[in-house]
C-alpha cells in the first residue's frame, strides 16, 4: 500500500475525509471502491513538488503529448491520450508545450526567490514522520522542515488576500497544521508557502496566529477522539436527515433593495 492509502498510520488527508464523510472514508480507504479525486491543479502541484523537493528533472515528471494524441485543432484526443498515460505510469503530469512552459516559469520564480534557498538548506524534504495520539498511530510527510518549524508548499492560480482566506477556510488548512505538529511533536512552528501558478507568479507566506493554532489543535483532538471511537466500533455511518438553519445574513434586505431602485447616476455606496 502507498503512503496515501495505508491507514495503519492516519494521515491528515484521511482524517479530513472522515470529518467530511465517514462513509466516504470507508469506501475510499477501507473497501477501496471509491477512487481518490485528482484535478489538473493538483497534478501541477505534484510536478512542482517532485522537481523542487525530490530533485527530479521536469522532463521526468511532465511528459508532452505526442502529435498522435492531438486532434487536428490541437485539442487532446481522449483515447490515445489515455493510452499514452498508461504507457508512462512513472510520469506525474501530462500536457502540451504551453503547459510545460508555464510550469518552467513557476519553478524559475521559486528558484529566484528566497524560498528556493530555504528549500535547498532544508534539514529534511518529503520525509515521513510517525507519531501517535492516544495510542493511535498518525503520520505526516512535511514538504520540508528544519528543527523547530515545518514548511508546506501550496500552488494556487491566485494568491490575492481574499482568495487565500477563502482557500484556507474551504480546505481547512488549520487541520494540516495541527496534524503535522502532533505527528512531529515538540510544538513546532508551521509556515505555509504559497506559489502562484499564473503571471505574475507571486510568492507569499501564511501562518496561523497563536490563538488560532490553539483552537485548531483542540478541534483536531476532538476529531481524533471521535475517529478512534468510530474505528474501534467499526461504525462509519453519518446522519441521513439534515435540518438547516438560515441566518439573517443569508437573506436579502428588501428595504435596501427598494432604496437602491431607480439609481441612475454613478455613486459610491458604503457597505
C-alpha atoms as a PDB file:
ATOM      1  CA  UNK A   1       0.000   0.000   0.000  1.00  0.00           C
ATOM      2  CA  UNK A   2       1.135   3.535  -0.703  1.00  0.00           C
ATOM      3  CA  UNK A   3       1.637   6.324   1.814  1.00  0.00           C
ATOM      4  CA  UNK A   4      -1.773   7.773   0.945  1.00  0.00           C
ATOM      5  CA  UNK A   5      -3.778   4.521   1.064  1.00  0.00           C
ATOM      6  CA  UNK A   6      -2.274   2.846   4.134  1.00  0.00           C
ATOM      7  CA  UNK A   7      -4.468   3.709   7.140  1.00  0.00           C
ATOM      8  CA  UNK A   8      -2.410   1.864   9.763  1.00  0.00           C
ATOM      9  CA  UNK A   9      -0.914   5.297  10.409  1.00  0.00           C
ATOM     10  CA  UNK A  10      -3.513   8.015   9.874  1.00  0.00           C
ATOM     11  CA  UNK A  11      -2.714  10.930   7.552  1.00  0.00           C
ATOM     12  CA  UNK A  12      -4.204  14.407   7.582  1.00  0.00           C
ATOM     13  CA  UNK A  13      -5.971  13.721   4.271  1.00  0.00           C
ATOM     14  CA  UNK A  14      -7.557  10.546   5.640  1.00  0.00           C
ATOM     15  CA  UNK A  15      -8.742  12.345   8.767  1.00  0.00           C
ATOM     16  CA  UNK A  16     -10.114  15.219   6.657  1.00  0.00           C
ATOM     17  CA  UNK A  17     -12.004  12.710   4.515  1.00  0.00           C
ATOM     18  CA  UNK A  18     -13.506  11.119   7.640  1.00  0.00           C
ATOM     19  CA  UNK A  19     -14.534  14.535   9.018  1.00  0.00           C
ATOM     20  CA  UNK A  20     -16.239  15.302   5.716  1.00  0.00           C
ATOM     21  CA  UNK A  21     -17.919  11.900   5.455  1.00  0.00           C
ATOM     22  CA  UNK A  22     -17.298   8.660   7.403  1.00  0.00           C
ATOM     23  CA  UNK A  23     -18.960   6.773   4.540  1.00  0.00           C
ATOM     24  CA  UNK A  24     -16.561   8.301   2.013  1.00  0.00           C
ATOM     25  CA  UNK A  25     -13.635   7.398   4.287  1.00  0.00           C
ATOM     26  CA  UNK A  26     -14.805   3.794   4.456  1.00  0.00           C
ATOM     27  CA  UNK A  27     -15.303   3.478   0.703  1.00  0.00           C
ATOM     28  CA  UNK A  28     -12.010   5.216  -0.123  1.00  0.00           C
ATOM     29  CA  UNK A  29      -9.606   3.706   2.400  1.00  0.00           C
ATOM     30  CA  UNK A  30     -11.224   0.506   3.721  1.00  0.00           C
ATOM     31  CA  UNK A  31     -13.229  -1.071   0.895  1.00  0.00           C
ATOM     32  CA  UNK A  32     -11.231   0.926  -1.724  1.00  0.00           C
ATOM     33  CA  UNK A  33     -14.273   1.017  -4.007  1.00  0.00           C
ATOM     34  CA  UNK A  34     -14.105   4.801  -4.299  1.00  0.00           C
ATOM     35  CA  UNK A  35     -11.153   6.341  -6.112  1.00  0.00           C
ATOM     36  CA  UNK A  36      -9.255   9.360  -4.804  1.00  0.00           C
ATOM     37  CA  UNK A  37     -10.130  12.529  -6.680  1.00  0.00           C
ATOM     38  CA  UNK A  38      -7.484  14.384  -8.661  1.00  0.00           C
ATOM     39  CA  UNK A  39      -7.552  17.708 -10.517  1.00  0.00           C
ATOM     40  CA  UNK A  40      -5.314  19.404 -13.064  1.00  0.00           C
ATOM     41  CA  UNK A  41      -4.162  21.894 -10.418  1.00  0.00           C
ATOM     42  CA  UNK A  42      -3.270  19.024  -8.064  1.00  0.00           C
ATOM     43  CA  UNK A  43      -1.215  17.380 -10.814  1.00  0.00           C
ATOM     44  CA  UNK A  44       0.649  20.639 -11.471  1.00  0.00           C
ATOM     45  CA  UNK A  45       1.419  20.962  -7.771  1.00  0.00           C
ATOM     46  CA  UNK A  46       2.653  17.366  -7.652  1.00  0.00           C
ATOM     47  CA  UNK A  47       5.008  18.016 -10.582  1.00  0.00           C
ATOM     48  CA  UNK A  48       6.446  21.119  -8.905  1.00  0.00           C
ATOM     49  CA  UNK A  49       6.810  19.249  -5.612  1.00  0.00           C
ATOM     50  CA  UNK A  50       8.749  16.452  -7.316  1.00  0.00           C
ATOM     51  CA  UNK A  51      11.143  18.865  -9.025  1.00  0.00           C
ATOM     52  CA  UNK A  52      11.705  21.144  -6.034  1.00  0.00           C
ATOM     53  CA  UNK A  53      11.671  18.645  -3.182  1.00  0.00           C
ATOM     54  CA  UNK A  54      12.731  15.331  -4.742  1.00  0.00           C
ATOM     55  CA  UNK A  55      15.209  16.936  -7.135  1.00  0.00           C
ATOM     56  CA  UNK A  56      13.726  15.258 -10.178  1.00  0.00           C
ATOM     57  CA  UNK A  57      14.052  16.758 -13.642  1.00  0.00           C
ATOM     58  CA  UNK A  58      10.951  18.343 -15.105  1.00  0.00           C
ATOM     59  CA  UNK A  59      11.216  16.120 -18.185  1.00  0.00           C
ATOM     60  CA  UNK A  60      10.887  13.069 -15.922  1.00  0.00           C
ATOM     61  CA  UNK A  61       7.761  14.357 -14.209  1.00  0.00           C
ATOM     62  CA  UNK A  62       5.858  16.085 -17.001  1.00  0.00           C
ATOM     63  CA  UNK A  63       5.511  14.475 -20.432  1.00  0.00           C
ATOM     64  CA  UNK A  64       4.370  16.235 -23.584  1.00  0.00           C
ATOM     65  CA  UNK A  65       1.603  14.566 -25.550  1.00  0.00           C
ATOM     66  CA  UNK A  66       2.892  13.499 -28.989  1.00  0.00           C
ATOM     67  CA  UNK A  67       1.105  14.553 -32.169  1.00  0.00           C
ATOM     68  CA  UNK A  68      -0.724  11.209 -32.194  1.00  0.00           C
ATOM     69  CA  UNK A  69      -2.584  12.296 -29.039  1.00  0.00           C
ATOM     70  CA  UNK A  70      -3.813  15.579 -30.521  1.00  0.00           C
ATOM     71  CA  UNK A  71      -6.741  16.341 -32.777  1.00  0.00           C
ATOM     72  CA  UNK A  72      -6.400  18.470 -35.903  1.00  0.00           C
ATOM     73  CA  UNK A  73      -7.449  21.569 -33.927  1.00  0.00           C
ATOM     74  CA  UNK A  74      -4.753  20.955 -31.313  1.00  0.00           C
ATOM     75  CA  UNK A  75      -7.061  19.708 -28.554  1.00  0.00           C
ATOM     76  CA  UNK A  76      -6.386  16.486 -26.646  1.00  0.00           C
ATOM     77  CA  UNK A  77      -7.701  13.302 -28.252  1.00  0.00           C
ATOM     78  CA  UNK A  78      -9.114  11.336 -25.306  1.00  0.00           C
ATOM     79  CA  UNK A  79      -8.494   7.684 -26.167  1.00  0.00           C
ATOM     80  CA  UNK A  80      -4.904   7.880 -27.493  1.00  0.00           C
ATOM     81  CA  UNK A  81      -4.036  10.333 -24.686  1.00  0.00           C
ATOM     82  CA  UNK A  82      -5.272   7.838 -22.096  1.00  0.00           C
ATOM     83  CA  UNK A  83      -3.235   5.071 -23.721  1.00  0.00           C
ATOM     84  CA  UNK A  84      -0.153   7.305 -23.670  1.00  0.00           C
ATOM     85  CA  UNK A  85      -0.606   7.979 -19.950  1.00  0.00           C
ATOM     86  CA  UNK A  86      -0.992   4.275 -19.244  1.00  0.00           C
ATOM     87  CA  UNK A  87       2.266   3.605 -21.132  1.00  0.00           C
ATOM     88  CA  UNK A  88       4.122   6.049 -18.845  1.00  0.00           C
ATOM     89  CA  UNK A  89       2.994   5.349 -15.260  1.00  0.00           C
ATOM     90  CA  UNK A  90       6.192   6.895 -13.902  1.00  0.00           C
ATOM     91  CA  UNK A  91       5.159  10.397 -15.024  1.00  0.00           C
ATOM     92  CA  UNK A  92       3.150  12.686 -12.757  1.00  0.00           C
ATOM     93  CA  UNK A  93       1.666  15.124 -15.268  1.00  0.00           C
ATOM     94  CA  UNK A  94       0.896  15.257 -18.978  1.00  0.00           C
ATOM     95  CA  UNK A  95       0.099  18.161 -21.253  1.00  0.00           C
ATOM     96  CA  UNK A  96       1.045  20.369 -24.160  1.00  0.00           C
ATOM     97  CA  UNK A  97       4.078  22.603 -24.657  1.00  0.00           C
ATOM     98  CA  UNK A  98       2.356  25.748 -23.357  1.00  0.00           C
ATOM     99  CA  UNK A  99       1.668  23.997 -20.046  1.00  0.00           C
ATOM    100  CA  UNK A 100       5.271  22.805 -19.859  1.00  0.00           C
ATOM    101  CA  UNK A 101       6.491  26.391 -20.287  1.00  0.00           C
ATOM    102  CA  UNK A 102       4.076  27.596 -17.588  1.00  0.00           C
ATOM    103  CA  UNK A 103       5.484  25.069 -15.112  1.00  0.00           C
ATOM    104  CA  UNK A 104       9.039  26.112 -16.026  1.00  0.00           C
ATOM    105  CA  UNK A 105       8.168  29.719 -15.210  1.00  0.00           C
ATOM    106  CA  UNK A 106       6.695  28.747 -11.843  1.00  0.00           C
ATOM    107  CA  UNK A 107       9.832  26.769 -10.969  1.00  0.00           C
ATOM    108  CA  UNK A 108      12.072  29.628 -12.091  1.00  0.00           C
ATOM    109  CA  UNK A 109      10.155  32.033  -9.839  1.00  0.00           C
ATOM    110  CA  UNK A 110      10.758  29.734  -6.856  1.00  0.00           C
ATOM    111  CA  UNK A 111      14.460  29.277  -7.599  1.00  0.00           C
ATOM    112  CA  UNK A 112      14.949  33.061  -7.815  1.00  0.00           C
ATOM    113  CA  UNK A 113      13.084  33.669  -4.562  1.00  0.00           C
ATOM    114  CA  UNK A 114      14.374  33.173  -1.002  1.00  0.00           C
ATOM    115  CA  UNK A 115      12.031  30.172  -0.907  1.00  0.00           C
ATOM    116  CA  UNK A 116      14.364  28.343  -3.299  1.00  0.00           C
ATOM    117  CA  UNK A 117      17.302  28.910  -0.960  1.00  0.00           C
ATOM    118  CA  UNK A 118      15.239  27.778   2.034  1.00  0.00           C
ATOM    119  CA  UNK A 119      14.335  24.510   0.291  1.00  0.00           C
ATOM    120  CA  UNK A 120      17.989  23.914  -0.602  1.00  0.00           C
ATOM    121  CA  UNK A 121      19.025  24.358   3.045  1.00  0.00           C
ATOM    122  CA  UNK A 122      16.165  22.263   4.480  1.00  0.00           C
ATOM    123  CA  UNK A 123      17.011  19.682   7.133  1.00  0.00           C
ATOM    124  CA  UNK A 124      14.577  17.166   5.607  1.00  0.00           C
ATOM    125  CA  UNK A 125      12.464  17.080   2.439  1.00  0.00           C
ATOM    126  CA  UNK A 126       9.456  14.799   1.850  1.00  0.00           C
ATOM    127  CA  UNK A 127      10.431  12.590   4.794  1.00  0.00           C
ATOM    128  CA  UNK A 128       7.720  10.541   6.506  1.00  0.00           C
ATOM    129  CA  UNK A 129       7.329  11.266  10.210  1.00  0.00           C
ATOM    130  CA  UNK A 130       5.374   8.932  12.508  1.00  0.00           C
ATOM    131  CA  UNK A 131       3.784   9.849  15.834  1.00  0.00           C
ATOM    132  CA  UNK A 132       0.810   8.814  17.909  1.00  0.00           C
ATOM    133  CA  UNK A 133      -2.243  10.225  19.621  1.00  0.00           C
ATOM    134  CA  UNK A 134      -3.911   8.295  22.447  1.00  0.00           C
ATOM    135  CA  UNK A 135      -2.404   5.077  21.145  1.00  0.00           C
ATOM    136  CA  UNK A 136      -3.449   5.687  17.512  1.00  0.00           C
ATOM    137  CA  UNK A 137      -0.550   5.894  15.065  1.00  0.00           C
ATOM    138  CA  UNK A 138      -0.515   9.017  12.906  1.00  0.00           C
ATOM    139  CA  UNK A 139       1.886  10.176  10.228  1.00  0.00           C
ATOM    140  CA  UNK A 140       2.734  13.115   8.026  1.00  0.00           C
ATOM    141  CA  UNK A 141       5.166  13.934   5.264  1.00  0.00           C
ATOM    142  CA  UNK A 142       6.173  17.611   5.551  1.00  0.00           C
ATOM    143  CA  UNK A 143       7.244  19.162   2.277  1.00  0.00           C
ATOM    144  CA  UNK A 144      10.385  20.313   4.045  1.00  0.00           C
ATOM    145  CA  UNK A 145      11.321  21.147   7.588  1.00  0.00           C
ATOM    146  CA  UNK A 146      14.085  22.335   9.821  1.00  0.00           C
ATOM    147  CA  UNK A 147      14.367  21.745  13.563  1.00  0.00           C
ATOM    148  CA  UNK A 148      11.506  23.628  15.183  1.00  0.00           C
ATOM    149  CA  UNK A 149       9.478  24.561  12.084  1.00  0.00           C
ATOM    150  CA  UNK A 150       7.505  22.762   9.385  1.00  0.00           C
ATOM    151  CA  UNK A 151       7.065  24.229   5.899  1.00  0.00           C
ATOM    152  CA  UNK A 152       4.331  23.377   3.405  1.00  0.00           C
ATOM    153  CA  UNK A 153       4.209  24.350  -0.273  1.00  0.00           C
ATOM    154  CA  UNK A 154       0.928  25.130  -1.966  1.00  0.00           C
ATOM    155  CA  UNK A 155       0.475  26.041  -5.616  1.00  0.00           C
ATOM    156  CA  UNK A 156      -2.539  28.227  -6.454  1.00  0.00           C
ATOM    157  CA  UNK A 157      -3.672  30.138  -9.527  1.00  0.00           C
ATOM    158  CA  UNK A 158      -4.466  33.227  -7.464  1.00  0.00           C
ATOM    159  CA  UNK A 159      -2.849  34.229  -4.172  1.00  0.00           C
ATOM    160  CA  UNK A 160      -4.587  37.532  -3.616  1.00  0.00           C
ATOM    161  CA  UNK A 161      -5.510  38.032   0.050  1.00  0.00           C
ATOM    162  CA  UNK A 162      -9.218  37.363  -0.488  1.00  0.00           C
ATOM    163  CA  UNK A 163      -8.571  34.129  -2.368  1.00  0.00           C
ATOM    164  CA  UNK A 164      -6.083  32.958   0.249  1.00  0.00           C
ATOM    165  CA  UNK A 165      -8.655  33.431   3.013  1.00  0.00           C
ATOM    166  CA  UNK A 166     -11.309  31.573   1.010  1.00  0.00           C
ATOM    167  CA  UNK A 167      -8.971  28.679   0.185  1.00  0.00           C
ATOM    168  CA  UNK A 168      -7.687  28.278   3.729  1.00  0.00           C
ATOM    169  CA  UNK A 169     -11.256  28.242   5.025  1.00  0.00           C
ATOM    170  CA  UNK A 170     -12.562  25.929   2.305  1.00  0.00           C
ATOM    171  CA  UNK A 171      -9.762  23.360   2.621  1.00  0.00           C
ATOM    172  CA  UNK A 172      -9.399  23.626   6.435  1.00  0.00           C
ATOM    173  CA  UNK A 173      -5.627  24.060   6.330  1.00  0.00           C
ATOM    174  CA  UNK A 174      -5.652  24.524  10.113  1.00  0.00           C
ATOM    175  CA  UNK A 175      -6.155  20.744  10.229  1.00  0.00           C
ATOM    176  CA  UNK A 176      -2.876  20.212   8.395  1.00  0.00           C
ATOM    177  CA  UNK A 177      -1.053  22.488  10.839  1.00  0.00           C
ATOM    178  CA  UNK A 178      -2.500  20.608  13.822  1.00  0.00           C
ATOM    179  CA  UNK A 179      -1.995  17.082  12.422  1.00  0.00           C
ATOM    180  CA  UNK A 180       1.582  17.631  11.256  1.00  0.00           C
ATOM    181  CA  UNK A 181       2.527  19.380  14.504  1.00  0.00           C
ATOM    182  CA  UNK A 182       1.141  16.457  16.540  1.00  0.00           C
ATOM    183  CA  UNK A 183       2.987  13.869  14.440  1.00  0.00           C
ATOM    184  CA  UNK A 184       6.312  15.716  14.594  1.00  0.00           C
ATOM    185  CA  UNK A 185       5.911  16.598  18.282  1.00  0.00           C
ATOM    186  CA  UNK A 186       7.680  19.247  20.317  1.00  0.00           C
ATOM    187  CA  UNK A 187       5.274  22.094  19.465  1.00  0.00           C
ATOM    188  CA  UNK A 188       6.921  23.105  16.169  1.00  0.00           C
ATOM    189  CA  UNK A 189       6.097  26.212  14.172  1.00  0.00           C
ATOM    190  CA  UNK A 190       4.211  25.818  10.892  1.00  0.00           C
ATOM    191  CA  UNK A 191       4.522  28.084   7.859  1.00  0.00           C
ATOM    192  CA  UNK A 192       2.727  27.779   4.520  1.00  0.00           C
ATOM    193  CA  UNK A 193       4.460  28.975   1.357  1.00  0.00           C
ATOM    194  CA  UNK A 194       2.060  29.880  -1.452  1.00  0.00           C
ATOM    195  CA  UNK A 195       3.270  29.959  -5.061  1.00  0.00           C
ATOM    196  CA  UNK A 196       1.145  31.466  -7.822  1.00  0.00           C
ATOM    197  CA  UNK A 197       0.944  29.328 -10.956  1.00  0.00           C
ATOM    198  CA  UNK A 198      -0.036  32.198 -13.241  1.00  0.00           C
ATOM    199  CA  UNK A 199       1.668  35.510 -14.017  1.00  0.00           C
ATOM    200  CA  UNK A 200       2.984  37.407 -12.062  1.00  0.00           C
ATOM    201  CA  UNK A 201       3.993  34.242 -10.124  1.00  0.00           C
ATOM    202  CA  UNK A 202       3.803  35.861  -6.696  1.00  0.00           C
ATOM    203  CA  UNK A 203       5.106  34.031  -3.631  1.00  0.00           C
ATOM    204  CA  UNK A 204       3.740  34.652  -0.127  1.00  0.00           C
ATOM    205  CA  UNK A 205       3.877  33.061   3.317  1.00  0.00           C
ATOM    206  CA  UNK A 206       0.940  32.406   5.614  1.00  0.00           C
ATOM    207  CA  UNK A 207       0.860  31.424   9.289  1.00  0.00           C
ATOM    208  CA  UNK A 208      -1.962  30.988  11.767  1.00  0.00           C
ATOM    209  CA  UNK A 209      -1.675  33.176  14.857  1.00  0.00           C
ATOM    210  CA  UNK A 210      -1.085  31.569  18.261  1.00  0.00           C
ATOM    211  CA  UNK A 211      -4.738  31.629  19.338  1.00  0.00           C
ATOM    212  CA  UNK A 212      -5.921  30.152  16.031  1.00  0.00           C
ATOM    213  CA  UNK A 213      -3.405  27.313  16.407  1.00  0.00           C
ATOM    214  CA  UNK A 214      -4.701  26.565  19.898  1.00  0.00           C
ATOM    215  CA  UNK A 215      -8.273  26.412  18.594  1.00  0.00           C
ATOM    216  CA  UNK A 216      -7.179  24.248  15.662  1.00  0.00           C
ATOM    217  CA  UNK A 217      -5.333  21.777  17.852  1.00  0.00           C
ATOM    218  CA  UNK A 218      -8.271  21.471  20.237  1.00  0.00           C
ATOM    219  CA  UNK A 219     -10.609  20.805  17.309  1.00  0.00           C
ATOM    220  CA  UNK A 220      -8.152  18.264  15.848  1.00  0.00           C
ATOM    221  CA  UNK A 221      -8.012  16.425  19.182  1.00  0.00           C
ATOM    222  CA  UNK A 222     -11.825  16.224  19.335  1.00  0.00           C
ATOM    223  CA  UNK A 223     -11.912  14.889  15.792  1.00  0.00           C
ATOM    224  CA  UNK A 224      -9.235  12.308  16.578  1.00  0.00           C
ATOM    225  CA  UNK A 225     -11.114  11.167  19.703  1.00  0.00           C
ATOM    226  CA  UNK A 226     -14.292  10.682  17.684  1.00  0.00           C
ATOM    227  CA  UNK A 227     -12.412   8.944  14.864  1.00  0.00           C
ATOM    228  CA  UNK A 228     -10.818   6.482  17.292  1.00  0.00           C
ATOM    229  CA  UNK A 229     -14.252   5.691  18.754  1.00  0.00           C
ATOM    230  CA  UNK A 230     -15.653   5.180  15.265  1.00  0.00           C
ATOM    231  CA  UNK A 231     -12.759   2.938  14.239  1.00  0.00           C
ATOM    232  CA  UNK A 232     -12.905   0.801  17.390  1.00  0.00           C
ATOM    233  CA  UNK A 233     -16.645   0.275  16.957  1.00  0.00           C
ATOM    234  CA  UNK A 234     -16.231  -0.183  13.173  1.00  0.00           C
ATOM    235  CA  UNK A 235     -19.163   2.159  12.617  1.00  0.00           C
ATOM    236  CA  UNK A 236     -18.899   4.501   9.622  1.00  0.00           C
ATOM    237  CA  UNK A 237     -22.425   5.886   9.444  1.00  0.00           C
ATOM    238  CA  UNK A 238     -23.480   9.513   9.155  1.00  0.00           C
ATOM    239  CA  UNK A 239     -26.760  11.430   9.528  1.00  0.00           C
ATOM    240  CA  UNK A 240     -29.298  10.916   6.747  1.00  0.00           C
ATOM    241  CA  UNK A 241     -31.728  13.606   7.933  1.00  0.00           C
ATOM    242  CA  UNK A 242     -30.437  17.165   7.968  1.00  0.00           C
ATOM    243  CA  UNK A 243     -32.065  20.299   9.350  1.00  0.00           C
ATOM    244  CA  UNK A 244     -30.740  23.622   8.074  1.00  0.00           C
ATOM    245  CA  UNK A 245     -30.879  26.974   9.845  1.00  0.00           C
ATOM    246  CA  UNK A 246     -30.916  30.230   7.941  1.00  0.00           C
ATOM    247  CA  UNK A 247     -29.055  33.203   9.338  1.00  0.00           C
ATOM    248  CA  UNK A 248     -30.489  36.703   8.808  1.00  0.00           C
ATOM    249  CA  UNK A 249     -27.265  37.430   6.930  1.00  0.00           C
ATOM    250  CA  UNK A 250     -28.220  34.801   4.344  1.00  0.00           C
ATOM    251  CA  UNK A 251     -31.391  36.652   3.411  1.00  0.00           C
ATOM    252  CA  UNK A 252     -31.743  39.662   1.079  1.00  0.00           C
ATOM    253  CA  UNK A 253     -32.516  43.012   2.660  1.00  0.00           C
ATOM    254  CA  UNK A 254     -35.736  44.074   0.909  1.00  0.00           C
ATOM    255  CA  UNK A 255     -35.575  47.593   2.349  1.00  0.00           C
ATOM    256  CA  UNK A 256     -32.102  48.150   0.977  1.00  0.00           C
ATOM    257  CA  UNK A 257     -33.119  46.834  -2.449  1.00  0.00           C
ATOM    258  CA  UNK A 258     -36.079  49.210  -2.534  1.00  0.00           C
ATOM    259  CA  UNK A 259     -33.890  52.165  -1.677  1.00  0.00           C
ATOM    260  CA  UNK A 260     -31.468  51.334  -4.464  1.00  0.00           C
ATOM    261  CA  UNK A 261     -34.120  51.052  -7.165  1.00  0.00           C
ATOM    262  CA  UNK A 262     -34.020  53.877  -9.660  1.00  0.00           C
ATOM    263  CA  UNK A 263     -30.357  54.792  -9.153  1.00  0.00           C
ATOM    264  CA  UNK A 264     -29.094  56.049 -12.495  1.00  0.00           C
ATOM    265  CA  UNK A 265     -26.045  58.131 -11.658  1.00  0.00           C
ATOM    266  CA  UNK A 266     -22.782  56.561 -10.588  1.00  0.00           C
ATOM    267  CA  UNK A 267     -22.450  56.757  -6.840  1.00  0.00           C
ATOM    268  CA  UNK A 268     -20.236  55.178  -4.218  1.00  0.00           C
ATOM    269  CA  UNK A 269     -22.074  53.061  -1.670  1.00  0.00           C
ATOM    270  CA  UNK A 270     -20.599  52.208   1.692  1.00  0.00           C
ATOM    271  CA  UNK A 271     -21.380  48.716   2.954  1.00  0.00           C
END
